Amino acid sequence: MVTIISGTNRPASNTLKVAKYYQKTLAEKGLQTNLFNLEDLPESLIESDLYGKRSPGFEPIQQLVTQTSKFLFIIPEYNGSFPGVLKTFIDACNFPESFYDKKAALVGLSSGRYGNIRGIDHFGGVCSYLHLHVLPLRIHISAIKTEFDENGNLFKEDTLKFTGQQMDKFIAF
């Protein structure tokens, strides 16, 4: 099973738009995926799902993570790194079985110039600790607010080219 993680809980985020683009394009390439939006985390996550506790609201999320063999993380830049809610989500998942020896691809995005290169690097360190094998081709989409057409689709030639290459490598990974 393949799961795309939209790495923020911000409502109506560009991250979710990119995650849906990946889901749609991967389906066109023959790979069906699940999409998990961090907006769907239980509101009580910090009180109820850390340090070995498990709430009924988090149990189906944990089952999804456990059954997933490949993850695709879409990660926005927050304060020069990745969102704290993404780290909290990782911390709430069972360790080590949630991510150990599974595979992942990383996509960074930002409204600035560098497409969350620093946050993707930071998250790569977390992946290493989790023994999560990361596809070497990491995509960084900068100036994300200029990347969508009037219908909310990515349209820039370079972005389509490089995301397409990453998806092909991810399918084969």
C-alpha atoms as a PDB file:
ATOM      1  CA  MET A   1       0.000   0.000   0.000  1.00  0.00           C
ATOM      2  CA  VAL A   2       1.190   3.512  -0.854  1.00  0.00           C
ATOM      3  CA  THR A   3       0.191   6.536   1.222  1.00  0.00           C
ATOM      4  CA  ILE A   4       0.696  10.204   0.431  1.00  0.00           C
ATOM      5  CA  ILE A   5       1.022  12.379   3.539  1.00  0.00           C
ATOM      6  CA  SER A   6      -0.032  16.016   3.195  1.00  0.00           C
ATOM      7  CA  GLY A   7       2.428  17.345   5.782  1.00  0.00           C
ATOM      8  CA  THR A   8       0.476  20.197   7.368  1.00  0.00           C
ATOM      9  CA  ASN A   9      -2.804  20.663   9.162  1.00  0.00           C
ATOM     10  CA  ARG A  10      -3.344  24.112   7.642  1.00  0.00           C
ATOM     11  CA  PRO A  11      -6.820  24.280   6.079  1.00  0.00           C
ATOM     12  CA  ALA A  12      -6.995  24.619   2.270  1.00  0.00           C
ATOM     13  CA  SER A  13      -3.217  24.403   1.974  1.00  0.00           C
ATOM     14  CA  ASN A  14      -1.075  24.374  -1.143  1.00  0.00           C
ATOM     15  CA  THR A  15       0.453  21.235   0.343  1.00  0.00           C
ATOM     16  CA  LEU A  16      -2.855  19.420  -0.029  1.00  0.00           C
ATOM     17  CA  LYS A  17      -3.159  20.685  -3.620  1.00  0.00           C
ATOM     18  CA  VAL A  18       0.270  19.228  -4.438  1.00  0.00           C
ATOM     19  CA  ALA A  19      -0.614  15.966  -2.649  1.00  0.00           C
ATOM     20  CA  LYS A  20      -3.784  15.657  -4.746  1.00  0.00           C
ATOM     21  CA  TYR A  21      -1.760  16.364  -7.904  1.00  0.00           C
ATOM     22  CA  TYR A  22       0.619  13.516  -6.992  1.00  0.00           C
ATOM     23  CA  GLN A  23      -2.295  11.200  -6.215  1.00  0.00           C
ATOM     24  CA  LYS A  24      -4.028  11.963  -9.523  1.00  0.00           C
ATOM     25  CA  THR A  25      -0.842  11.682 -11.595  1.00  0.00           C
ATOM     26  CA  LEU A  26       0.277   8.462  -9.903  1.00  0.00           C
ATOM     27  CA  ALA A  27      -3.167   6.977 -10.629  1.00  0.00           C
ATOM     28  CA  GLU A  28      -2.734   7.941 -14.297  1.00  0.00           C
ATOM     29  CA  LYS A  29       0.584   6.061 -14.179  1.00  0.00           C
ATOM     30  CA  GLY A  30      -1.183   3.000 -12.735  1.00  0.00           C
ATOM     31  CA  LEU A  31      -0.379   3.383  -9.020  1.00  0.00           C
ATOM     32  CA  GLN A  32      -3.326   3.709  -6.640  1.00  0.00           C
ATOM     33  CA  THR A  33      -2.583   5.567  -3.416  1.00  0.00           C
ATOM     34  CA  ASN A  34      -4.192   6.641  -0.181  1.00  0.00           C
ATOM     35  CA  LEU A  35      -4.025  10.294   0.801  1.00  0.00           C
ATOM     36  CA  PHE A  36      -3.741  11.215   4.460  1.00  0.00           C
ATOM     37  CA  ASN A  37      -4.182  14.883   5.271  1.00  0.00           C
ATOM     38  CA  LEU A  38      -2.802  15.945   8.647  1.00  0.00           C
ATOM     39  CA  GLU A  39      -5.935  18.097   9.004  1.00  0.00           C
ATOM     40  CA  ASP A  40      -7.615  14.763   9.825  1.00  0.00           C
ATOM     41  CA  LEU A  41      -5.539  14.113  12.944  1.00  0.00           C
ATOM     42  CA  PRO A  42      -7.575  13.942  16.152  1.00  0.00           C
ATOM     43  CA  GLU A  43      -7.756  17.314  17.894  1.00  0.00           C
ATOM     44  CA  SER A  44      -6.649  15.603  21.110  1.00  0.00           C
ATOM     45  CA  LEU A  45      -3.500  14.121  19.522  1.00  0.00           C
ATOM     46  CA  ILE A  46      -1.087  15.742  21.974  1.00  0.00           C
ATOM     47  CA  GLU A  47      -3.059  14.615  25.027  1.00  0.00           C
ATOM     48  CA  SER A  48      -4.229  11.234  23.827  1.00  0.00           C
ATOM     49  CA  ASP A  49      -1.824   9.620  21.354  1.00  0.00           C
ATOM     50  CA  LEU A  50       1.737  10.190  22.496  1.00  0.00           C
ATOM     51  CA  TYR A  51       3.964   8.082  24.728  1.00  0.00           C
ATOM     52  CA  GLY A  52       2.313   4.742  24.135  1.00  0.00           C
ATOM     53  CA  LYS A  53      -1.279   5.895  24.554  1.00  0.00           C
ATOM     54  CA  ARG A  54      -3.801   5.350  21.758  1.00  0.00           C
ATOM     55  CA  SER A  55      -7.162   7.009  21.233  1.00  0.00           C
ATOM     56  CA  PRO A  56      -9.994   5.535  19.176  1.00  0.00           C
ATOM     57  CA  GLY A  57      -9.565   8.463  16.758  1.00  0.00           C
ATOM     58  CA  PHE A  58      -5.931   7.642  16.032  1.00  0.00           C
ATOM     59  CA  GLU A  59      -6.321   3.863  15.716  1.00  0.00           C
ATOM     60  CA  PRO A  60      -7.439   3.886  12.019  1.00  0.00           C
ATOM     61  CA  ILE A  61      -4.576   6.272  11.233  1.00  0.00           C
ATOM     62  CA  GLN A  62      -2.126   3.900  12.901  1.00  0.00           C
ATOM     63  CA  GLN A  63      -3.580   0.997  10.910  1.00  0.00           C
ATOM     64  CA  LEU A  64      -3.095   2.961   7.667  1.00  0.00           C
ATOM     65  CA  VAL A  65       0.530   3.697   8.565  1.00  0.00           C
ATOM     66  CA  THR A  66       1.193   0.092   9.598  1.00  0.00           C
ATOM     67  CA  GLN A  67      -0.228  -1.261   6.315  1.00  0.00           C
ATOM     68  CA  THR A  68       1.709   1.226   4.171  1.00  0.00           C
ATOM     69  CA  SER A  69       4.930   0.042   2.547  1.00  0.00           C
ATOM     70  CA  LYS A  70       5.742   3.290   0.674  1.00  0.00           C
ATOM     71  CA  PHE A  71       5.128   6.872   1.767  1.00  0.00           C
ATOM     72  CA  LEU A  72       5.222  10.073  -0.233  1.00  0.00           C
ATOM     73  CA  PHE A  73       5.602  13.082   2.056  1.00  0.00           C
ATOM     74  CA  ILE A  74       4.572  16.505   0.750  1.00  0.00           C
ATOM     75  CA  ILE A  75       6.187  18.949   3.168  1.00  0.00           C
ATOM     76  CA  PRO A  76       5.809  22.729   3.317  1.00  0.00           C
ATOM     77  CA  GLU A  77       8.413  25.028   4.806  1.00  0.00           C
ATOM     78  CA  TYR A  78       7.541  26.289   8.260  1.00  0.00           C
ATOM     79  CA  ASN A  79      10.115  28.567   9.902  1.00  0.00           C
ATOM     80  CA  GLY A  80      13.027  27.159   7.908  1.00  0.00           C
ATOM     81  CA  SER A  81      12.115  23.517   8.498  1.00  0.00           C
ATOM     82  CA  PHE A  82       9.069  21.236   8.409  1.00  0.00           C
ATOM     83  CA  PRO A  83       5.804  21.616  10.364  1.00  0.00           C
ATOM     84  CA  GLY A  84       5.781  20.568  13.998  1.00  0.00           C
ATOM     85  CA  VAL A  85       2.502  18.744  13.443  1.00  0.00           C
ATOM     86  CA  LEU A  86       4.310  16.400  11.023  1.00  0.00           C
ATOM     87  CA  LYS A  87       6.866  15.544  13.707  1.00  0.00           C
ATOM     88  CA  THR A  88       4.070  15.076  16.267  1.00  0.00           C
ATOM     89  CA  PHE A  89       2.307  12.724  13.840  1.00  0.00           C
ATOM     90  CA  ILE A  90       5.524  10.695  13.433  1.00  0.00           C
ATOM     91  CA  ASP A  91       5.995  10.648  17.223  1.00  0.00           C
ATOM     92  CA  ALA A  92       2.431   9.389  17.753  1.00  0.00           C
ATOM     93  CA  CYS A  93       2.934   6.404  15.420  1.00  0.00           C
ATOM     94  CA  ASN A  94       4.129   3.103  16.855  1.00  0.00           C
ATOM     95  CA  PHE A  95       7.914   2.817  16.868  1.00  0.00           C
ATOM     96  CA  PRO A  96       9.708   1.141  15.202  1.00  0.00           C
ATOM     97  CA  GLU A  97       7.183  -0.831  13.134  1.00  0.00           C
ATOM     98  CA  SER A  98       5.370   2.137  11.587  1.00  0.00           C
ATOM     99  CA  PHE A  99       8.268   3.174   9.346  1.00  0.00           C
ATOM    100  CA  TYR A 100      11.129   0.703   9.860  1.00  0.00           C
ATOM    101  CA  ASP A 101      12.593  -0.564   6.546  1.00  0.00           C
ATOM    102  CA  LYS A 102       9.803   1.016   4.510  1.00  0.00           C
ATOM    103  CA  LYS A 103      10.316   3.442   1.621  1.00  0.00           C
ATOM    104  CA  ALA A 104       9.583   7.121   1.130  1.00  0.00           C
ATOM    105  CA  ALA A 105       9.854   9.985  -1.330  1.00  0.00           C
ATOM    106  CA  LEU A 106      10.064  13.611  -0.227  1.00  0.00           C
ATOM    107  CA  VAL A 107       8.639  16.730  -1.856  1.00  0.00           C
ATOM    108  CA  GLY A 108       9.311  20.152  -0.366  1.00  0.00           C
ATOM    109  CA  LEU A 109       7.480  23.341  -1.138  1.00  0.00           C
ATOM    110  CA  SER A 110       7.665  26.927  -0.047  1.00  0.00           C
ATOM    111  CA  SER A 111       6.538  30.363  -1.032  1.00  0.00           C
ATOM    112  CA  GLY A 112      10.199  31.374  -1.020  1.00  0.00           C
ATOM    113  CA  ARG A 113      13.098  30.556  -3.319  1.00  0.00           C
ATOM    114  CA  TYR A 114      14.365  27.195  -2.203  1.00  0.00           C
ATOM    115  CA  GLY A 115      11.384  24.859  -2.015  1.00  0.00           C
ATOM    116  CA  ASN A 116      11.980  23.876   1.614  1.00  0.00           C
ATOM    117  CA  ILE A 117      15.421  22.429   0.937  1.00  0.00           C
ATOM    118  CA  ARG A 118      16.399  22.848   4.606  1.00  0.00           C
ATOM    119  CA  GLY A 119      13.169  21.282   5.922  1.00  0.00           C
ATOM    120  CA  ILE A 120      13.504  18.315   3.573  1.00  0.00           C
ATOM    121  CA  ASP A 121      17.079  17.872   4.788  1.00  0.00           C
ATOM    122  CA  HIS A 122      15.881  18.005   8.419  1.00  0.00           C
ATOM    123  CA  PHE A 123      13.101  15.512   7.695  1.00  0.00           C
ATOM    124  CA  GLY A 124      15.638  13.272   5.954  1.00  0.00           C
ATOM    125  CA  GLY A 125      17.451  13.029   9.294  1.00  0.00           C
ATOM    126  CA  VAL A 126      14.230  11.900  10.978  1.00  0.00           C
ATOM    127  CA  CYS A 127      13.755   9.325   8.199  1.00  0.00           C
ATOM    128  CA  SER A 128      17.265   7.985   8.782  1.00  0.00           C
ATOM    129  CA  TYR A 129      16.569   7.531  12.472  1.00  0.00           C
ATOM    130  CA  LEU A 130      13.334   5.685  11.654  1.00  0.00           C
ATOM    131  CA  HIS A 131      15.179   3.424   9.155  1.00  0.00           C
ATOM    132  CA  LEU A 132      12.887   4.787   6.460  1.00  0.00           C
ATOM    133  CA  HIS A 133      14.630   4.430   3.086  1.00  0.00           C
ATOM    134  CA  VAL A 134      14.335   7.667   1.114  1.00  0.00           C
ATOM    135  CA  LEU A 135      14.332   7.926  -2.677  1.00  0.00           C
ATOM    136  CA  PRO A 136      17.424   9.977  -3.594  1.00  0.00           C
ATOM    137  CA  LEU A 137      15.479  12.273  -5.958  1.00  0.00           C
ATOM    138  CA  ARG A 138      13.941  14.886  -3.686  1.00  0.00           C
ATOM    139  CA  ILE A 139      11.808  17.579  -5.291  1.00  0.00           C
ATOM    140  CA  HIS A 140      11.802  21.206  -4.121  1.00  0.00           C
ATOM    141  CA  ILE A 141       9.016  23.419  -5.463  1.00  0.00           C
ATOM    142  CA  SER A 142       9.713  27.093  -4.797  1.00  0.00           C
ATOM    143  CA  ALA A 143       7.367  30.062  -5.195  1.00  0.00           C
ATOM    144  CA  ILE A 144       4.456  27.652  -4.766  1.00  0.00           C
ATOM    145  CA  LYS A 145       1.875  30.415  -5.064  1.00  0.00           C
ATOM    146  CA  THR A 146       2.888  30.870  -8.725  1.00  0.00           C
ATOM    147  CA  GLU A 147       2.812  27.165  -9.569  1.00  0.00           C
ATOM    148  CA  PHE A 148      -0.956  26.704  -9.966  1.00  0.00           C
ATOM    149  CA  ASP A 149      -3.126  27.704 -12.907  1.00  0.00           C
ATOM    150  CA  GLU A 150      -6.648  29.133 -12.539  1.00  0.00           C
ATOM    151  CA  ASN A 151      -8.024  25.579 -12.098  1.00  0.00           C
ATOM    152  CA  GLY A 152      -5.613  24.754  -9.258  1.00  0.00           C
ATOM    153  CA  ASN A 153      -3.368  22.506 -11.366  1.00  0.00           C
ATOM    154  CA  LEU A 154       0.396  22.590 -11.527  1.00  0.00           C
ATOM    155  CA  PHE A 155       1.358  23.834 -14.972  1.00  0.00           C
ATOM    156  CA  LYS A 156       5.008  24.939 -15.142  1.00  0.00           C
ATOM    157  CA  GLU A 157       7.025  22.797 -17.535  1.00  0.00           C
ATOM    158  CA  ASP A 158      10.007  22.224 -15.222  1.00  0.00           C
ATOM    159  CA  THR A 159       7.787  21.328 -12.268  1.00  0.00           C
ATOM    160  CA  LEU A 160       5.811  18.829 -14.342  1.00  0.00           C
ATOM    161  CA  LYS A 161       9.028  17.356 -15.755  1.00  0.00           C
ATOM    162  CA  PHE A 162      10.780  16.842 -12.418  1.00  0.00           C
ATOM    163  CA  THR A 163       7.718  15.673 -10.472  1.00  0.00           C
ATOM    164  CA  GLY A 164       7.046  13.211 -13.311  1.00  0.00           C
ATOM    165  CA  GLN A 165      10.601  11.881 -13.080  1.00  0.00           C
ATOM    166  CA  GLN A 166      10.286  11.507  -9.322  1.00  0.00           C
ATOM    167  CA  MET A 167       6.983   9.657  -9.638  1.00  0.00           C
ATOM    168  CA  ASP A 168       8.449   7.234 -12.185  1.00  0.00           C
ATOM    169  CA  LYS A 169      11.376   6.526  -9.871  1.00  0.00           C
ATOM    170  CA  PHE A 170       9.020   6.199  -6.884  1.00  0.00           C
ATOM    171  CA  ILE A 171       6.890   3.614  -8.701  1.00  0.00           C
ATOM    172  CA  ALA A 172      10.033   1.578  -9.477  1.00  0.00           C
ATOM    173  CA  PHE A 173      11.533   2.110  -5.969  1.00  0.00           C
END
